[in-house]
N, C-alpha and C. Protein backbone atom coordinates (compact mmCIF):
# COMPACT_ATOMS: atom_id res chain seq x y z
N UNK A 1 -106.30 -27.71 -148.96
CA UNK A 1 -107.80 -27.76 -149.35
C UNK A 1 -108.55 -26.49 -149.18
N UNK A 2 -108.09 -25.81 -148.05
CA UNK A 2 -108.78 -24.44 -147.81
C UNK A 2 -108.41 -23.41 -149.01
N UNK A 3 -107.15 -23.52 -149.29
CA UNK A 3 -106.65 -22.57 -150.32
C UNK A 3 -107.39 -22.89 -151.64
N UNK A 4 -107.56 -24.18 -152.07
CA UNK A 4 -108.19 -24.53 -153.28
C UNK A 4 -109.64 -24.03 -153.30
N UNK A 5 -110.29 -24.25 -152.18
CA UNK A 5 -111.68 -23.78 -151.98
C UNK A 5 -111.73 -22.26 -152.22
N UNK A 6 -110.88 -21.53 -151.57
CA UNK A 6 -110.92 -20.04 -151.63
C UNK A 6 -110.67 -19.62 -152.94
N UNK A 7 -109.73 -20.32 -153.76
CA UNK A 7 -109.61 -19.90 -155.22
C UNK A 7 -110.73 -20.11 -155.99
N UNK A 8 -111.34 -21.31 -155.71
CA UNK A 8 -112.71 -21.65 -156.50
C UNK A 8 -113.68 -20.74 -156.28
N UNK A 9 -113.95 -20.34 -154.93
CA UNK A 9 -114.98 -19.42 -154.54
C UNK A 9 -114.73 -18.05 -155.20
N UNK A 10 -113.53 -17.63 -155.11
CA UNK A 10 -113.03 -16.31 -155.64
C UNK A 10 -113.35 -16.28 -157.22
N UNK A 11 -112.99 -17.37 -157.86
CA UNK A 11 -113.28 -17.38 -159.36
C UNK A 11 -114.82 -17.31 -159.62
N UNK A 12 -115.55 -18.09 -158.74
CA UNK A 12 -117.06 -18.06 -159.03
C UNK A 12 -117.64 -16.66 -158.80
N UNK A 13 -117.13 -15.99 -157.76
CA UNK A 13 -117.62 -14.64 -157.48
C UNK A 13 -117.24 -13.65 -158.66
N UNK A 14 -116.09 -13.84 -159.18
CA UNK A 14 -115.65 -13.00 -160.30
C UNK A 14 -116.55 -13.25 -161.62
N UNK A 15 -116.82 -14.59 -161.88
CA UNK A 15 -117.72 -14.95 -163.05
C UNK A 15 -119.07 -14.31 -162.81
N UNK A 16 -119.56 -14.40 -161.65
CA UNK A 16 -120.94 -13.80 -161.37
C UNK A 16 -120.93 -12.27 -161.52
N UNK A 17 -119.85 -11.63 -160.99
CA UNK A 17 -119.65 -10.26 -161.18
C UNK A 17 -119.64 -9.68 -162.72
N UNK A 18 -118.84 -10.50 -163.36
CA UNK A 18 -118.81 -10.14 -164.82
C UNK A 18 -120.10 -10.37 -165.50
N UNK A 19 -120.85 -11.38 -165.34
CA UNK A 19 -122.15 -11.67 -165.83
C UNK A 19 -123.07 -10.55 -165.52
N UNK A 20 -122.97 -10.08 -164.31
CA UNK A 20 -123.99 -9.14 -163.72
C UNK A 20 -123.71 -7.72 -164.38
N UNK A 21 -122.41 -7.48 -164.85
CA UNK A 21 -122.08 -6.17 -165.37
C UNK A 21 -122.49 -6.15 -166.77
N UNK A 22 -122.60 -7.27 -167.42
CA UNK A 22 -122.79 -7.41 -168.97
C UNK A 22 -124.13 -6.64 -169.29
N UNK A 23 -124.31 -5.92 -170.26
CA UNK A 23 -125.47 -5.21 -170.64
C UNK A 23 -126.60 -6.40 -170.98
N UNK A 24 -127.84 -6.05 -170.85
CA UNK A 24 -128.93 -6.98 -171.17
C UNK A 24 -128.87 -7.12 -172.71
N UNK A 25 -129.34 -8.34 -173.33
CA UNK A 25 -129.56 -8.51 -174.68
C UNK A 25 -130.46 -7.33 -175.41
N UNK A 26 -129.87 -6.77 -176.40
CA UNK A 26 -130.56 -5.68 -177.03
C UNK A 26 -131.43 -6.34 -178.28
N UNK A 27 -132.67 -5.83 -178.32
CA UNK A 27 -133.52 -6.21 -179.47
C UNK A 27 -133.98 -5.06 -180.30
N UNK A 28 -133.84 -5.17 -181.61
CA UNK A 28 -134.19 -4.18 -182.57
C UNK A 28 -135.25 -4.65 -183.60
N UNK A 29 -136.29 -4.00 -183.69
CA UNK A 29 -137.27 -4.48 -184.67
C UNK A 29 -136.86 -3.95 -186.15
N UNK A 30 -136.83 -4.93 -187.05
CA UNK A 30 -136.36 -4.45 -188.38
C UNK A 30 -137.49 -4.53 -189.37
N UNK A 31 -138.45 -5.42 -188.99
CA UNK A 31 -139.68 -5.64 -189.96
C UNK A 31 -140.82 -6.14 -189.29
N UNK A 32 -141.93 -5.56 -189.52
CA UNK A 32 -143.21 -6.01 -188.90
C UNK A 32 -144.50 -5.79 -189.79
N UNK A 33 -144.94 -7.09 -190.21
CA UNK A 33 -146.23 -7.02 -190.94
C UNK A 33 -147.27 -7.92 -190.20
N UNK A 34 -147.30 -7.88 -189.01
CA UNK A 34 -148.16 -8.93 -188.19
C UNK A 34 -149.42 -8.50 -187.83
N UNK A 35 -149.87 -7.31 -188.42
CA UNK A 35 -151.08 -6.78 -187.94
C UNK A 35 -152.34 -7.71 -188.24
N UNK A 36 -152.23 -8.64 -189.19
CA UNK A 36 -153.21 -9.55 -189.53
C UNK A 36 -153.21 -10.68 -188.74
N UNK A 37 -152.26 -11.02 -187.83
CA UNK A 37 -152.11 -12.07 -186.98
C UNK A 37 -152.74 -11.84 -185.65
N UNK A 38 -154.02 -12.20 -185.50
CA UNK A 38 -154.87 -11.82 -184.41
C UNK A 38 -154.59 -12.60 -183.16
N UNK A 39 -154.37 -13.98 -183.39
CA UNK A 39 -154.31 -14.81 -182.15
C UNK A 39 -152.93 -15.48 -181.92
N UNK A 40 -152.05 -14.91 -182.67
CA UNK A 40 -150.57 -15.47 -182.58
C UNK A 40 -150.59 -16.73 -183.28
N UNK A 41 -149.45 -17.45 -183.13
CA UNK A 41 -149.20 -18.77 -183.82
C UNK A 41 -149.09 -19.81 -182.68
N UNK A 42 -149.63 -20.98 -182.87
CA UNK A 42 -149.65 -21.87 -181.84
C UNK A 42 -148.69 -23.13 -181.94
N UNK A 43 -148.00 -23.24 -183.11
CA UNK A 43 -147.06 -24.42 -183.54
C UNK A 43 -145.99 -23.79 -184.36
N UNK A 44 -144.76 -23.73 -183.73
CA UNK A 44 -143.56 -23.20 -184.42
C UNK A 44 -142.63 -24.38 -184.89
N UNK A 45 -142.06 -24.18 -186.11
CA UNK A 45 -140.85 -24.94 -186.46
C UNK A 45 -139.65 -24.06 -186.25
N UNK A 46 -138.76 -24.40 -185.55
CA UNK A 46 -137.56 -23.55 -185.19
C UNK A 46 -136.33 -23.94 -185.87
N UNK A 47 -135.75 -22.99 -186.62
CA UNK A 47 -134.43 -23.31 -187.30
C UNK A 47 -133.43 -22.28 -186.95
N UNK A 48 -132.28 -22.97 -186.62
CA UNK A 48 -131.06 -21.95 -186.32
C UNK A 48 -130.04 -22.25 -187.39
N UNK A 49 -129.47 -21.01 -187.93
CA UNK A 49 -128.40 -21.14 -188.88
C UNK A 49 -127.19 -20.70 -188.18
N UNK A 50 -126.23 -21.70 -188.02
CA UNK A 50 -124.99 -21.57 -187.40
C UNK A 50 -123.85 -22.14 -188.09
N UNK A 51 -122.62 -21.88 -187.70
CA UNK A 51 -121.42 -22.42 -188.32
C UNK A 51 -121.18 -23.89 -188.07
N UNK A 52 -121.83 -24.44 -187.12
CA UNK A 52 -121.46 -25.89 -186.86
C UNK A 52 -122.76 -26.57 -186.31
N UNK A 53 -122.83 -27.89 -186.38
CA UNK A 53 -124.04 -28.52 -186.05
C UNK A 53 -124.30 -28.51 -184.55
N UNK A 54 -123.36 -28.52 -183.71
CA UNK A 54 -123.57 -28.47 -182.34
C UNK A 54 -124.22 -27.18 -181.92
N UNK A 55 -123.70 -26.06 -182.34
CA UNK A 55 -124.30 -24.80 -181.97
C UNK A 55 -125.79 -24.78 -182.61
N UNK A 56 -126.05 -25.21 -183.80
CA UNK A 56 -127.24 -25.24 -184.42
C UNK A 56 -128.33 -26.00 -183.49
N UNK A 57 -127.90 -27.13 -183.09
CA UNK A 57 -128.74 -28.07 -182.19
C UNK A 57 -129.02 -27.40 -180.88
N UNK A 58 -128.08 -26.89 -180.34
CA UNK A 58 -128.31 -26.27 -178.87
C UNK A 58 -129.14 -25.04 -179.03
N UNK A 59 -128.96 -24.26 -180.11
CA UNK A 59 -129.80 -22.95 -180.12
C UNK A 59 -131.19 -23.31 -180.57
N UNK A 60 -131.34 -24.24 -181.36
CA UNK A 60 -132.71 -24.65 -181.66
C UNK A 60 -133.47 -25.19 -180.35
N UNK A 61 -132.76 -26.03 -179.63
CA UNK A 61 -133.42 -26.55 -178.40
C UNK A 61 -133.70 -25.36 -177.52
N UNK A 62 -132.77 -24.49 -177.27
CA UNK A 62 -133.01 -23.31 -176.40
C UNK A 62 -134.24 -22.57 -176.73
N UNK A 63 -134.35 -22.18 -178.03
CA UNK A 63 -135.43 -21.31 -178.57
C UNK A 63 -136.72 -22.13 -178.41
N UNK A 64 -136.73 -23.48 -178.70
CA UNK A 64 -137.95 -24.30 -178.62
C UNK A 64 -138.44 -24.39 -177.02
N UNK A 65 -137.46 -24.50 -176.16
CA UNK A 65 -137.77 -24.54 -174.69
C UNK A 65 -138.46 -23.23 -174.36
N UNK A 66 -137.95 -22.16 -174.77
CA UNK A 66 -138.53 -20.87 -174.29
C UNK A 66 -139.91 -20.58 -174.99
N UNK A 67 -140.20 -21.05 -176.22
CA UNK A 67 -141.45 -21.00 -176.89
C UNK A 67 -142.49 -21.88 -176.13
N UNK A 68 -142.09 -23.02 -175.79
CA UNK A 68 -142.95 -23.87 -175.01
C UNK A 68 -143.31 -23.42 -173.74
N UNK A 69 -142.35 -22.75 -173.07
CA UNK A 69 -142.67 -22.16 -171.67
C UNK A 69 -143.67 -21.13 -171.87
N UNK A 70 -143.66 -20.45 -173.02
CA UNK A 70 -144.58 -19.33 -173.21
C UNK A 70 -146.02 -19.74 -173.62
N UNK A 71 -146.15 -21.19 -173.81
CA UNK A 71 -147.48 -21.70 -174.13
C UNK A 71 -147.72 -22.23 -175.44
N UNK A 72 -146.78 -22.24 -176.39
CA UNK A 72 -147.03 -22.73 -177.70
C UNK A 72 -146.29 -24.10 -177.98
N UNK A 73 -146.65 -24.78 -179.02
CA UNK A 73 -145.97 -25.92 -179.42
C UNK A 73 -144.71 -25.44 -180.18
N UNK A 74 -143.72 -26.26 -180.21
CA UNK A 74 -142.48 -25.95 -181.05
C UNK A 74 -141.60 -27.11 -181.27
N UNK A 75 -141.04 -27.27 -182.42
CA UNK A 75 -140.15 -28.33 -182.79
C UNK A 75 -138.73 -27.77 -183.31
N UNK A 76 -137.79 -28.37 -182.86
CA UNK A 76 -136.44 -28.16 -183.39
C UNK A 76 -136.34 -28.75 -184.75
N UNK A 77 -135.96 -28.12 -185.72
CA UNK A 77 -135.93 -28.49 -187.12
C UNK A 77 -135.06 -29.71 -187.28
N UNK A 78 -133.90 -29.62 -186.58
CA UNK A 78 -132.84 -30.70 -186.69
C UNK A 78 -133.23 -32.12 -186.30
N UNK A 79 -134.45 -32.25 -185.56
CA UNK A 79 -135.16 -33.53 -185.35
C UNK A 79 -135.83 -34.00 -186.49
N UNK A 80 -136.00 -33.32 -187.46
CA UNK A 80 -136.79 -33.67 -188.77
C UNK A 80 -135.91 -33.64 -189.90
N UNK A 81 -134.90 -32.72 -189.89
CA UNK A 81 -133.98 -32.61 -191.10
C UNK A 81 -132.58 -33.26 -190.97
N UNK A 82 -132.29 -33.64 -189.73
CA UNK A 82 -131.04 -34.10 -189.40
C UNK A 82 -130.06 -32.85 -188.96
N UNK A 83 -129.10 -33.20 -188.24
CA UNK A 83 -128.09 -32.15 -187.81
C UNK A 83 -127.09 -31.79 -188.90
N UNK A 84 -127.30 -30.66 -189.61
CA UNK A 84 -126.46 -30.21 -190.62
C UNK A 84 -126.56 -28.68 -190.69
N UNK A 85 -125.58 -27.96 -191.28
CA UNK A 85 -125.44 -26.50 -191.21
C UNK A 85 -126.30 -25.83 -192.36
N UNK A 86 -126.73 -26.57 -193.32
CA UNK A 86 -127.39 -25.93 -194.49
C UNK A 86 -128.70 -26.71 -194.71
N UNK A 87 -129.64 -25.99 -195.09
CA UNK A 87 -131.02 -26.64 -195.35
C UNK A 87 -131.60 -26.10 -196.73
N UNK A 88 -132.18 -27.08 -197.43
CA UNK A 88 -132.82 -26.71 -198.61
C UNK A 88 -134.29 -26.22 -198.32
N UNK A 89 -134.82 -25.35 -199.13
CA UNK A 89 -136.22 -25.01 -198.86
C UNK A 89 -137.16 -26.22 -198.86
N UNK A 90 -136.90 -27.25 -199.71
CA UNK A 90 -137.83 -28.24 -199.66
C UNK A 90 -137.78 -29.09 -198.32
N UNK A 91 -136.57 -29.08 -197.65
CA UNK A 91 -136.52 -29.66 -196.49
C UNK A 91 -137.28 -28.96 -195.36
N UNK A 92 -137.16 -27.58 -195.28
CA UNK A 92 -137.86 -26.82 -194.43
C UNK A 92 -139.40 -27.01 -194.67
N UNK A 93 -139.92 -26.87 -195.80
CA UNK A 93 -141.39 -27.08 -196.22
C UNK A 93 -141.82 -28.44 -195.65
N UNK A 94 -141.01 -29.49 -195.91
CA UNK A 94 -141.43 -30.82 -195.59
C UNK A 94 -141.44 -30.89 -193.98
N UNK A 95 -140.46 -30.32 -193.34
CA UNK A 95 -140.52 -30.42 -191.76
C UNK A 95 -141.64 -29.54 -191.35
N UNK A 96 -142.16 -28.49 -191.96
CA UNK A 96 -143.24 -27.72 -191.45
C UNK A 96 -144.54 -28.54 -191.66
N UNK A 97 -144.71 -29.24 -193.01
CA UNK A 97 -145.84 -30.05 -193.02
C UNK A 97 -145.90 -31.20 -192.00
N UNK A 98 -144.77 -31.90 -191.88
CA UNK A 98 -144.74 -32.97 -190.84
C UNK A 98 -145.09 -32.60 -189.56
N UNK A 99 -144.78 -31.54 -189.06
CA UNK A 99 -145.08 -31.13 -187.69
C UNK A 99 -146.33 -30.21 -187.50
N UNK A 100 -146.97 -30.01 -188.72
CA UNK A 100 -148.17 -29.06 -188.82
C UNK A 100 -147.93 -27.83 -188.20
N UNK A 101 -146.71 -27.23 -188.43
CA UNK A 101 -146.27 -26.00 -187.99
C UNK A 101 -147.23 -24.83 -188.66
N UNK A 102 -147.62 -23.88 -188.04
CA UNK A 102 -148.35 -22.77 -188.64
C UNK A 102 -147.24 -21.51 -188.75
N UNK A 103 -146.06 -21.68 -188.26
CA UNK A 103 -145.06 -20.53 -188.17
C UNK A 103 -143.78 -21.14 -188.29
N UNK A 104 -142.88 -20.48 -189.02
CA UNK A 104 -141.49 -20.99 -189.13
C UNK A 104 -140.69 -19.81 -188.61
N UNK A 105 -139.75 -20.15 -187.75
CA UNK A 105 -138.84 -19.11 -187.04
C UNK A 105 -137.54 -19.51 -187.37
N UNK A 106 -136.84 -18.61 -188.17
CA UNK A 106 -135.44 -19.00 -188.56
C UNK A 106 -134.52 -17.78 -188.09
N UNK A 107 -133.50 -18.34 -187.11
CA UNK A 107 -132.52 -17.38 -186.54
C UNK A 107 -131.13 -17.61 -187.19
N UNK A 108 -130.49 -16.66 -187.60
CA UNK A 108 -129.10 -16.63 -188.11
C UNK A 108 -128.18 -15.96 -187.24
N UNK A 109 -127.20 -16.64 -186.71
CA UNK A 109 -126.04 -16.06 -186.11
C UNK A 109 -125.12 -15.37 -187.17
N UNK A 110 -125.19 -14.05 -187.13
CA UNK A 110 -124.43 -13.27 -188.22
C UNK A 110 -123.18 -12.68 -187.84
N UNK A 111 -122.96 -12.67 -186.55
CA UNK A 111 -121.71 -12.05 -186.02
C UNK A 111 -121.38 -12.47 -184.74
N UNK A 112 -120.03 -12.97 -184.56
CA UNK A 112 -119.52 -13.37 -183.21
C UNK A 112 -118.24 -12.74 -183.03
N UNK A 113 -118.28 -11.84 -181.98
CA UNK A 113 -117.11 -11.10 -181.65
C UNK A 113 -116.60 -11.56 -180.29
N UNK A 114 -115.37 -12.19 -180.27
CA UNK A 114 -114.78 -12.68 -179.16
C UNK A 114 -113.50 -11.94 -178.74
N UNK A 115 -113.42 -11.53 -177.45
CA UNK A 115 -112.20 -10.92 -176.93
C UNK A 115 -111.75 -11.70 -175.73
N UNK A 116 -110.51 -11.55 -175.50
CA UNK A 116 -109.86 -12.20 -174.33
C UNK A 116 -108.93 -11.19 -173.63
N UNK A 117 -109.08 -11.10 -172.25
CA UNK A 117 -108.33 -10.30 -171.45
C UNK A 117 -107.54 -11.07 -170.33
N UNK A 118 -106.31 -10.81 -170.19
CA UNK A 118 -105.73 -11.52 -169.06
C UNK A 118 -105.98 -10.89 -167.66
N UNK A 119 -106.22 -11.67 -166.74
CA UNK A 119 -106.50 -11.24 -165.39
C UNK A 119 -105.56 -11.72 -164.40
N UNK A 120 -104.64 -10.79 -163.85
CA UNK A 120 -103.50 -11.31 -163.13
C UNK A 120 -104.03 -11.80 -161.81
N UNK A 121 -103.51 -12.96 -161.38
CA UNK A 121 -103.87 -13.62 -160.09
C UNK A 121 -103.43 -12.87 -158.90
N UNK A 122 -104.30 -12.84 -157.80
CA UNK A 122 -103.96 -12.13 -156.53
C UNK A 122 -103.01 -12.89 -155.63
N UNK A 123 -102.14 -12.11 -154.96
CA UNK A 123 -101.09 -12.73 -154.11
C UNK A 123 -101.56 -12.42 -152.68
N UNK A 124 -101.78 -13.39 -151.77
CA UNK A 124 -101.98 -13.20 -150.44
C UNK A 124 -100.84 -13.71 -149.52
N UNK A 125 -100.68 -13.13 -148.32
CA UNK A 125 -99.58 -13.55 -147.44
C UNK A 125 -100.16 -14.14 -146.27
N UNK A 126 -99.80 -15.43 -145.96
CA UNK A 126 -100.41 -16.18 -144.89
C UNK A 126 -99.30 -16.19 -143.79
N UNK A 127 -99.62 -15.64 -142.51
CA UNK A 127 -98.72 -15.61 -141.53
C UNK A 127 -99.16 -16.66 -140.49
N UNK A 128 -98.21 -17.41 -139.86
CA UNK A 128 -98.45 -18.48 -138.92
C UNK A 128 -97.35 -18.27 -137.77
N UNK A 129 -98.02 -18.03 -136.62
CA UNK A 129 -97.08 -17.84 -135.45
C UNK A 129 -96.45 -19.19 -135.02
N UNK A 130 -95.18 -19.15 -134.64
CA UNK A 130 -94.52 -20.41 -134.25
C UNK A 130 -94.51 -20.55 -132.65
N UNK A 131 -95.01 -19.55 -131.98
CA UNK A 131 -95.08 -19.51 -130.51
C UNK A 131 -94.25 -18.41 -130.06
N UNK A 132 -94.11 -18.21 -128.72
CA UNK A 132 -93.37 -17.08 -128.08
C UNK A 132 -94.14 -15.84 -128.12
N UNK A 133 -93.40 -14.83 -127.86
CA UNK A 133 -94.05 -13.41 -127.90
C UNK A 133 -94.64 -13.17 -129.15
N UNK A 134 -95.93 -12.94 -129.21
CA UNK A 134 -96.63 -12.51 -130.42
C UNK A 134 -96.06 -11.25 -131.16
N UNK A 135 -95.39 -10.49 -130.34
CA UNK A 135 -94.99 -9.20 -130.95
C UNK A 135 -93.53 -9.39 -131.60
N UNK A 136 -93.09 -10.45 -131.50
CA UNK A 136 -91.67 -10.84 -132.09
C UNK A 136 -91.94 -11.21 -133.59
N UNK A 137 -91.58 -10.39 -134.44
CA UNK A 137 -91.68 -10.56 -135.85
C UNK A 137 -91.07 -11.84 -136.38
N UNK A 138 -89.96 -12.24 -135.82
CA UNK A 138 -89.09 -13.32 -136.31
C UNK A 138 -89.71 -14.66 -135.89
N UNK A 139 -90.71 -14.67 -134.98
CA UNK A 139 -91.43 -15.90 -134.69
C UNK A 139 -92.55 -16.33 -135.52
N UNK A 140 -92.72 -15.59 -136.73
CA UNK A 140 -93.79 -15.92 -137.57
C UNK A 140 -93.25 -16.47 -138.91
N UNK A 141 -93.99 -17.51 -139.39
CA UNK A 141 -93.57 -18.01 -140.81
C UNK A 141 -94.45 -17.43 -141.70
N UNK A 142 -94.05 -16.97 -142.92
CA UNK A 142 -94.83 -16.38 -143.89
C UNK A 142 -94.81 -17.22 -145.17
N UNK A 143 -95.95 -17.41 -145.83
CA UNK A 143 -96.16 -18.06 -147.03
C UNK A 143 -96.85 -17.23 -147.96
N UNK A 144 -96.37 -17.10 -149.18
CA UNK A 144 -97.06 -16.38 -150.32
C UNK A 144 -97.84 -17.23 -151.00
N UNK A 145 -99.18 -16.92 -151.07
CA UNK A 145 -100.18 -17.77 -151.75
C UNK A 145 -100.65 -16.95 -152.88
N UNK A 146 -100.31 -17.37 -154.15
CA UNK A 146 -100.71 -16.71 -155.32
C UNK A 146 -101.57 -17.48 -156.14
N UNK A 147 -102.80 -16.86 -156.47
CA UNK A 147 -103.71 -17.48 -157.29
C UNK A 147 -103.28 -17.44 -158.80
N UNK A 148 -103.60 -18.36 -159.60
CA UNK A 148 -102.97 -18.39 -161.00
C UNK A 148 -103.63 -17.35 -161.74
N UNK A 149 -103.01 -16.78 -162.80
CA UNK A 149 -103.48 -15.87 -163.83
C UNK A 149 -104.71 -16.51 -164.50
N UNK A 150 -105.56 -15.78 -165.04
CA UNK A 150 -106.78 -16.25 -165.76
C UNK A 150 -106.96 -15.46 -166.90
N UNK A 151 -107.76 -15.93 -167.87
CA UNK A 151 -108.04 -15.25 -169.07
C UNK A 151 -109.58 -15.00 -169.05
N UNK A 152 -110.11 -13.88 -169.19
CA UNK A 152 -111.52 -13.51 -169.27
C UNK A 152 -111.88 -13.50 -170.77
N UNK A 153 -112.73 -14.32 -171.13
CA UNK A 153 -113.19 -14.42 -172.49
C UNK A 153 -114.58 -13.77 -172.52
N UNK A 154 -114.93 -12.93 -173.46
CA UNK A 154 -116.16 -12.34 -173.55
C UNK A 154 -116.66 -12.39 -175.10
N UNK A 155 -117.90 -13.02 -175.32
CA UNK A 155 -118.56 -13.13 -176.54
C UNK A 155 -119.57 -12.07 -176.73
N UNK A 156 -119.58 -11.37 -177.82
CA UNK A 156 -120.78 -10.55 -178.23
C UNK A 156 -121.25 -11.03 -179.60
N UNK A 157 -122.47 -11.40 -179.63
CA UNK A 157 -123.04 -12.05 -180.71
C UNK A 157 -124.31 -11.41 -181.28
N UNK A 158 -124.39 -11.19 -182.51
CA UNK A 158 -125.61 -10.64 -183.18
C UNK A 158 -126.37 -11.70 -183.89
N UNK A 159 -127.67 -11.72 -183.68
CA UNK A 159 -128.47 -12.76 -184.44
C UNK A 159 -129.69 -11.92 -185.13
N UNK A 160 -130.02 -12.52 -186.23
CA UNK A 160 -131.23 -12.00 -187.01
C UNK A 160 -132.29 -13.07 -187.03
N UNK A 161 -133.52 -12.75 -186.66
CA UNK A 161 -134.52 -13.70 -186.56
C UNK A 161 -135.67 -13.35 -187.37
N UNK A 162 -136.13 -14.19 -188.27
CA UNK A 162 -137.18 -14.03 -189.30
C UNK A 162 -138.37 -14.97 -188.86
N UNK A 163 -139.54 -14.46 -188.91
CA UNK A 163 -140.82 -15.20 -188.69
C UNK A 163 -141.64 -15.28 -189.97
N UNK A 164 -141.90 -16.52 -190.43
CA UNK A 164 -142.65 -16.69 -191.63
C UNK A 164 -144.01 -17.30 -191.33
N UNK A 165 -144.99 -17.06 -192.13
CA UNK A 165 -146.22 -17.79 -192.12
C UNK A 165 -146.04 -19.05 -192.92
N UNK A 166 -146.19 -20.25 -192.41
CA UNK A 166 -145.83 -21.46 -193.18
C UNK A 166 -146.81 -21.73 -194.26
N UNK A 167 -148.19 -21.22 -194.09
CA UNK A 167 -149.10 -21.37 -195.14
C UNK A 167 -148.77 -20.52 -196.44
N UNK A 168 -148.55 -19.20 -196.19
CA UNK A 168 -148.30 -18.26 -197.50
C UNK A 168 -146.82 -18.26 -197.78
N UNK A 169 -146.03 -18.60 -196.74
CA UNK A 169 -144.51 -18.40 -196.98
C UNK A 169 -144.03 -17.01 -196.82
N UNK A 170 -145.06 -16.12 -196.58
CA UNK A 170 -144.62 -14.62 -196.31
C UNK A 170 -143.81 -14.36 -195.08
N UNK A 171 -142.74 -13.47 -195.17
CA UNK A 171 -142.13 -12.99 -194.01
C UNK A 171 -142.90 -11.96 -193.28
N UNK A 172 -143.18 -12.22 -192.00
CA UNK A 172 -144.01 -11.21 -191.22
C UNK A 172 -143.28 -10.42 -190.34
N UNK A 173 -142.18 -10.71 -189.78
CA UNK A 173 -141.56 -10.18 -188.63
C UNK A 173 -139.99 -10.45 -188.73
N UNK A 174 -139.22 -9.41 -188.35
CA UNK A 174 -137.76 -9.69 -188.32
C UNK A 174 -137.19 -8.83 -187.15
N UNK A 175 -136.34 -9.45 -186.34
CA UNK A 175 -135.62 -8.77 -185.27
C UNK A 175 -134.11 -8.95 -185.30
N UNK A 176 -133.43 -7.98 -184.80
CA UNK A 176 -131.92 -8.18 -184.64
C UNK A 176 -131.80 -8.20 -183.08
N UNK A 177 -131.12 -9.17 -182.63
CA UNK A 177 -130.77 -9.35 -181.13
C UNK A 177 -129.33 -9.45 -180.92
N UNK A 178 -128.78 -8.57 -180.04
CA UNK A 178 -127.28 -8.52 -179.76
C UNK A 178 -127.17 -8.93 -178.30
N UNK A 179 -126.47 -10.00 -178.09
CA UNK A 179 -126.06 -10.44 -176.75
C UNK A 179 -124.62 -9.85 -176.36
N UNK A 180 -124.45 -9.36 -175.30
CA UNK A 180 -123.13 -8.72 -174.95
C UNK A 180 -122.34 -9.34 -173.96
N UNK A 181 -121.03 -9.59 -174.30
CA UNK A 181 -120.02 -10.02 -173.25
C UNK A 181 -120.35 -11.18 -172.40
N UNK A 182 -120.60 -12.29 -173.07
CA UNK A 182 -120.93 -13.45 -172.13
C UNK A 182 -119.67 -14.41 -172.21
N UNK A 183 -119.50 -15.13 -171.14
CA UNK A 183 -118.15 -15.79 -170.98
C UNK A 183 -118.21 -17.07 -171.90
N UNK A 184 -119.35 -17.76 -172.05
CA UNK A 184 -119.39 -18.86 -172.91
C UNK A 184 -120.46 -18.81 -173.98
N UNK A 185 -120.40 -19.62 -174.98
CA UNK A 185 -121.50 -19.46 -176.15
C UNK A 185 -122.74 -20.12 -175.46
N UNK A 186 -122.56 -21.06 -174.58
CA UNK A 186 -123.77 -21.60 -173.94
C UNK A 186 -124.69 -20.35 -173.20
N UNK A 187 -124.00 -19.60 -172.46
CA UNK A 187 -124.67 -18.43 -172.07
C UNK A 187 -125.44 -17.45 -173.16
N UNK A 188 -124.57 -17.24 -174.21
CA UNK A 188 -124.94 -16.51 -175.32
C UNK A 188 -126.31 -17.08 -175.94
N UNK A 189 -126.29 -18.44 -176.24
CA UNK A 189 -127.44 -18.88 -176.89
C UNK A 189 -128.62 -18.99 -175.97
N UNK A 190 -128.48 -19.13 -174.58
CA UNK A 190 -129.47 -19.01 -173.71
C UNK A 190 -130.07 -17.63 -173.69
N UNK A 191 -129.23 -16.50 -173.63
CA UNK A 191 -129.79 -15.20 -173.56
C UNK A 191 -130.44 -14.76 -174.82
N UNK A 192 -129.91 -15.30 -175.99
CA UNK A 192 -130.61 -14.94 -177.27
C UNK A 192 -131.86 -15.59 -177.32
N UNK A 193 -131.99 -16.85 -176.98
CA UNK A 193 -133.23 -17.59 -177.03
C UNK A 193 -134.30 -16.89 -176.10
N UNK A 194 -133.82 -16.49 -175.00
CA UNK A 194 -134.81 -15.77 -174.06
C UNK A 194 -135.26 -14.44 -174.67
N UNK A 195 -134.38 -13.65 -175.27
CA UNK A 195 -134.75 -12.42 -175.91
C UNK A 195 -135.69 -12.59 -177.04
N UNK A 196 -135.48 -13.68 -177.88
CA UNK A 196 -136.39 -13.98 -179.03
C UNK A 196 -137.79 -14.28 -178.59
N UNK A 197 -137.80 -15.11 -177.60
CA UNK A 197 -139.14 -15.62 -177.12
C UNK A 197 -139.88 -14.42 -176.36
N UNK A 198 -139.03 -13.64 -175.67
CA UNK A 198 -139.70 -12.50 -175.01
C UNK A 198 -140.37 -11.59 -175.86
N UNK A 199 -139.61 -11.36 -177.01
CA UNK A 199 -140.17 -10.39 -178.01
C UNK A 199 -141.42 -10.97 -178.74
N UNK A 200 -141.36 -12.27 -178.96
CA UNK A 200 -142.62 -13.08 -179.65
C UNK A 200 -143.79 -12.84 -178.71
N UNK A 201 -143.48 -12.94 -177.47
CA UNK A 201 -144.58 -12.78 -176.41
C UNK A 201 -145.12 -11.36 -176.49
N UNK A 202 -144.13 -10.41 -176.36
CA UNK A 202 -144.47 -9.09 -176.32
C UNK A 202 -145.40 -8.59 -177.57
N UNK A 203 -145.01 -9.13 -178.65
CA UNK A 203 -145.68 -8.78 -179.83
C UNK A 203 -146.98 -9.61 -180.12
N UNK A 204 -147.29 -10.51 -179.07
CA UNK A 204 -148.45 -11.26 -179.16
C UNK A 204 -148.46 -12.23 -180.40
N UNK A 205 -147.30 -12.81 -180.66
CA UNK A 205 -147.05 -13.71 -181.76
C UNK A 205 -147.21 -15.22 -181.36
N UNK A 206 -147.21 -15.40 -179.93
CA UNK A 206 -147.63 -16.68 -179.48
C UNK A 206 -148.97 -16.84 -179.01
N UNK A 207 -149.69 -17.74 -179.65
CA UNK A 207 -151.06 -17.98 -179.38
C UNK A 207 -151.24 -19.10 -178.38
């Protein structure tokens, strides 16, 4: 039991260390015509474009949560259009009208780079004295404890996010966000959502 616990703790520490070493999500502004937006937007329709419906649903939920935390209303589009990977413009417009959204935020996952690196397990030697003179080497039992090898997965993901005025349909704002070397896609989506919402707040687009 102690050995299993030690391995689990060691693995957890390794995962934390890897996460801490990964660079922060990078955001680059690609387009900005928001000078006429004085008080930001108060109600967002959030759309994620991904290769599968589960990723789309989770990503939309993550972004919605961050926008709500920042003080605006937000709706995940899949709750109105259904969980699918492609949407027609009419479906987007209908969802925006139904939710009274004044802004439409569309995020595309445009690149996923996944690498795998083998991590060799550590070997420890456990010595147990059988009694007698402690200096007598031959009175010790030795057990080799080897942690299993593991594979370190690292995802680097690039997303493009566009903000549209739902009334005019015009594109007002575009950013590129790059999330580096995360162990799971769940971490990637959480970091990307945080970066997108943080930039919206910084640019005063959440009213």
